[in-house]
Amino acid sequence: VQLVESGGGTVQPGGSLRLSCAASGFTFRLYGMSWYRRTPGKERELVATIISADGNTNYADSVKGRFTISRDNAKNTVYLQMNRLKPEDTAVYYCTARVGGSDYWGQGTQVTVSF
């Protein structure tokens, strides 16, 4: 299983970014995918999840209405569209998958929101 995130960067408050996570090594369409974020000194936070079968989504309260998780099963890719970004969204963002009872993580992509 390999997960490779991309799309991070620095953006001003109120701006937008789209993160991508390219997955390989498993039958992507069969598994739910999640985005987490981690900030030094804070607990890891589950940001968003998309279920495999029906595409249902769940979000942390802190990002609801601003972030959208989606997937393209033809491209084996999951996305996180982040709008109206705030300084407190600054973190390393990871995509994750649970496959065969094991949790897999990408290397992470840094998102920085500042003037």
C-alpha atoms as a PDB file:
ATOM      1  CA  VAL A   1       0.000   0.000   0.000  1.00  0.00           C
ATOM      2  CA  GLN A   2       1.316   3.406  -0.937  1.00  0.00           C
ATOM      3  CA  LEU A   3      -0.281   6.781  -0.329  1.00  0.00           C
ATOM      4  CA  VAL A   4       1.293   9.926  -1.765  1.00  0.00           C
ATOM      5  CA  GLU A   5      -0.091  13.339  -0.841  1.00  0.00           C
ATOM      6  CA  SER A   6       0.430  16.516  -2.811  1.00  0.00           C
ATOM      7  CA  GLY A   7      -0.987  20.006  -3.090  1.00  0.00           C
ATOM      8  CA  GLY A   8       0.123  21.592   0.158  1.00  0.00           C
ATOM      9  CA  GLY A   9       1.627  25.038   0.349  1.00  0.00           C
ATOM     10  CA  THR A  10       1.305  28.473   1.871  1.00  0.00           C
ATOM     11  CA  VAL A  11      -1.864  30.482   1.431  1.00  0.00           C
ATOM     12  CA  GLN A  12      -3.326  33.611   2.986  1.00  0.00           C
ATOM     13  CA  PRO A  13      -6.324  33.405   5.326  1.00  0.00           C
ATOM     14  CA  GLY A  14      -9.515  33.071   3.305  1.00  0.00           C
ATOM     15  CA  GLY A  15      -7.726  31.296   0.502  1.00  0.00           C
ATOM     16  CA  SER A  16      -8.139  27.789  -0.892  1.00  0.00           C
ATOM     17  CA  LEU A  17      -6.037  24.715  -1.527  1.00  0.00           C
ATOM     18  CA  ARG A  18      -6.802  21.283  -2.918  1.00  0.00           C
ATOM     19  CA  LEU A  19      -4.885  18.323  -1.565  1.00  0.00           C
ATOM     20  CA  SER A  20      -4.582  15.089  -3.524  1.00  0.00           C
ATOM     21  CA  CYS A  21      -3.664  11.605  -2.380  1.00  0.00           C
ATOM     22  CA  ALA A  22      -2.685   9.025  -4.983  1.00  0.00           C
ATOM     23  CA  ALA A  23      -3.201   5.478  -3.749  1.00  0.00           C
ATOM     24  CA  SER A  24      -1.736   2.214  -4.994  1.00  0.00           C
ATOM     25  CA  GLY A  25      -1.221  -1.363  -3.870  1.00  0.00           C
ATOM     26  CA  PHE A  26      -4.835  -2.119  -2.983  1.00  0.00           C
ATOM     27  CA  THR A  27      -8.285  -2.087  -4.575  1.00  0.00           C
ATOM     28  CA  PHE A  28      -8.941   1.568  -3.899  1.00  0.00           C
ATOM     29  CA  ARG A  29     -12.651   1.627  -4.678  1.00  0.00           C
ATOM     30  CA  LEU A  30     -13.377  -0.902  -1.906  1.00  0.00           C
ATOM     31  CA  TYR A  31     -11.962   1.134   0.981  1.00  0.00           C
ATOM     32  CA  GLY A  32     -12.871   4.221   2.895  1.00  0.00           C
ATOM     33  CA  MET A  33     -10.286   6.988   2.945  1.00  0.00           C
ATOM     34  CA  SER A  34      -9.567   9.683   5.500  1.00  0.00           C
ATOM     35  CA  TRP A  35      -7.610  12.880   5.913  1.00  0.00           C
ATOM     36  CA  TYR A  36      -5.939  13.661   9.247  1.00  0.00           C
ATOM     37  CA  ARG A  37      -3.870  16.635  10.270  1.00  0.00           C
ATOM     38  CA  ARG A  38      -1.195  17.079  12.877  1.00  0.00           C
ATOM     39  CA  THR A  39       0.148  20.239  14.476  1.00  0.00           C
ATOM     40  CA  PRO A  40       3.080  20.219  16.915  1.00  0.00           C
ATOM     41  CA  GLY A  41       1.801  20.232  20.467  1.00  0.00           C
ATOM     42  CA  LYS A  42      -1.715  19.215  19.509  1.00  0.00           C
ATOM     43  CA  GLU A  43      -3.532  15.929  19.217  1.00  0.00           C
ATOM     44  CA  ARG A  44      -3.848  14.395  15.783  1.00  0.00           C
ATOM     45  CA  GLU A  45      -7.218  15.386  14.316  1.00  0.00           C
ATOM     46  CA  LEU A  46      -9.439  13.428  11.975  1.00  0.00           C
ATOM     47  CA  VAL A  47     -10.475  15.995   9.380  1.00  0.00           C
ATOM     48  CA  ALA A  48     -12.684  14.092   6.940  1.00  0.00           C
ATOM     49  CA  THR A  49     -13.658  10.592   5.868  1.00  0.00           C
ATOM     50  CA  ILE A  50     -15.271   9.254   2.715  1.00  0.00           C
ATOM     51  CA  ILE A  51     -16.877   5.834   2.707  1.00  0.00           C
ATOM     52  CA  SER A  52     -16.168   3.490  -0.169  1.00  0.00           C
ATOM     53  CA  ALA A  53     -19.547   2.078  -1.057  1.00  0.00           C
ATOM     54  CA  ASP A  54     -21.873   5.059  -1.187  1.00  0.00           C
ATOM     55  CA  GLY A  55     -19.490   7.966  -0.952  1.00  0.00           C
ATOM     56  CA  ASN A  56     -20.910   9.195   2.344  1.00  0.00           C
ATOM     57  CA  THR A  57     -18.708  11.729   4.049  1.00  0.00           C
ATOM     58  CA  ASN A  58     -18.013  12.903   7.589  1.00  0.00           C
ATOM     59  CA  TYR A  59     -16.179  15.993   8.774  1.00  0.00           C
ATOM     60  CA  ALA A  60     -14.692  17.404  11.926  1.00  0.00           C
ATOM     61  CA  ASP A  61     -16.788  20.250  13.289  1.00  0.00           C
ATOM     62  CA  SER A  62     -13.812  22.553  12.850  1.00  0.00           C
ATOM     63  CA  VAL A  63     -13.875  22.186   9.045  1.00  0.00           C
ATOM     64  CA  LYS A  64     -17.541  21.484   8.311  1.00  0.00           C
ATOM     65  CA  GLY A  65     -18.844  23.766   5.591  1.00  0.00           C
ATOM     66  CA  ARG A  66     -15.335  24.763   4.475  1.00  0.00           C
ATOM     67  CA  PHE A  67     -13.666  21.473   3.469  1.00  0.00           C
ATOM     68  CA  THR A  68     -14.909  18.849   1.025  1.00  0.00           C
ATOM     69  CA  ILE A  69     -13.538  15.322   0.668  1.00  0.00           C
ATOM     70  CA  SER A  70     -14.088  13.489  -2.609  1.00  0.00           C
ATOM     71  CA  ARG A  71     -12.683  10.552  -4.509  1.00  0.00           C
ATOM     72  CA  ASP A  72     -12.084   9.489  -8.091  1.00  0.00           C
ATOM     73  CA  ASN A  73     -12.038   5.706  -8.179  1.00  0.00           C
ATOM     74  CA  ALA A  74     -10.872   5.689 -11.810  1.00  0.00           C
ATOM     75  CA  LYS A  75      -7.744   7.597 -10.769  1.00  0.00           C
ATOM     76  CA  ASN A  76      -7.292   5.914  -7.359  1.00  0.00           C
ATOM     77  CA  THR A  77      -7.175   9.369  -5.837  1.00  0.00           C
ATOM     78  CA  VAL A  78      -8.830  11.078  -2.890  1.00  0.00           C
ATOM     79  CA  TYR A  79      -9.027  14.863  -2.631  1.00  0.00           C
ATOM     80  CA  LEU A  80      -9.515  17.432   0.085  1.00  0.00           C
ATOM     81  CA  GLN A  81     -10.792  20.775  -1.148  1.00  0.00           C
ATOM     82  CA  MET A  82     -10.107  23.381   1.525  1.00  0.00           C
ATOM     83  CA  ASN A  83     -11.833  26.752   1.282  1.00  0.00           C
ATOM     84  CA  ARG A  84     -11.935  29.791   3.556  1.00  0.00           C
ATOM     85  CA  LEU A  85      -8.730  28.653   5.196  1.00  0.00           C
ATOM     86  CA  LYS A  86      -7.848  29.933   8.652  1.00  0.00           C
ATOM     87  CA  PRO A  87      -4.485  30.183  10.422  1.00  0.00           C
ATOM     88  CA  GLU A  88      -5.603  27.375  12.726  1.00  0.00           C
ATOM     89  CA  ASP A  89      -5.801  25.060   9.699  1.00  0.00           C
ATOM     90  CA  THR A  90      -1.995  25.161   9.531  1.00  0.00           C
ATOM     91  CA  ALA A  91      -0.783  21.562   9.897  1.00  0.00           C
ATOM     92  CA  VAL A  92       0.719  18.597   8.134  1.00  0.00           C
ATOM     93  CA  TYR A  93      -2.107  16.805   6.361  1.00  0.00           C
ATOM     94  CA  TYR A  94      -2.053  13.030   5.878  1.00  0.00           C
ATOM     95  CA  CYS A  95      -4.286  10.697   3.953  1.00  0.00           C
ATOM     96  CA  THR A  96      -4.896   7.300   5.465  1.00  0.00           C
ATOM     97  CA  ALA A  97      -6.448   3.976   4.618  1.00  0.00           C
ATOM     98  CA  ARG A  98      -7.210   0.901   6.669  1.00  0.00           C
ATOM     99  CA  VAL A  99      -6.457  -2.147   4.530  1.00  0.00           C
ATOM    100  CA  GLY A 100      -6.431  -5.702   5.811  1.00  0.00           C
ATOM    101  CA  GLY A 101      -6.681  -4.525   9.410  1.00  0.00           C
ATOM    102  CA  SER A 102      -3.628  -2.267   9.166  1.00  0.00           C
ATOM    103  CA  ASP A 103      -3.542   1.507   8.992  1.00  0.00           C
ATOM    104  CA  TYR A 104      -1.479   3.096   6.239  1.00  0.00           C
ATOM    105  CA  TRP A 105      -0.360   6.711   6.094  1.00  0.00           C
ATOM    106  CA  GLY A 106       1.166   8.893   3.452  1.00  0.00           C
ATOM    107  CA  GLN A 107       4.219  11.047   4.065  1.00  0.00           C
ATOM    108  CA  GLY A 108       2.107  14.144   4.647  1.00  0.00           C
ATOM    109  CA  THR A 109       1.918  17.536   3.003  1.00  0.00           C
ATOM    110  CA  GLN A 110       2.405  20.846   4.823  1.00  0.00           C
ATOM    111  CA  VAL A 111      -0.347  23.435   4.735  1.00  0.00           C
ATOM    112  CA  THR A 112       0.490  26.870   6.108  1.00  0.00           C
ATOM    113  CA  VAL A 113      -2.114  29.619   6.399  1.00  0.00           C
ATOM    114  CA  SER A 114      -0.610  33.019   7.146  1.00  0.00           C
ATOM    115  CA  PHE A 115      -0.253  36.540   5.815  1.00  0.00           C
END
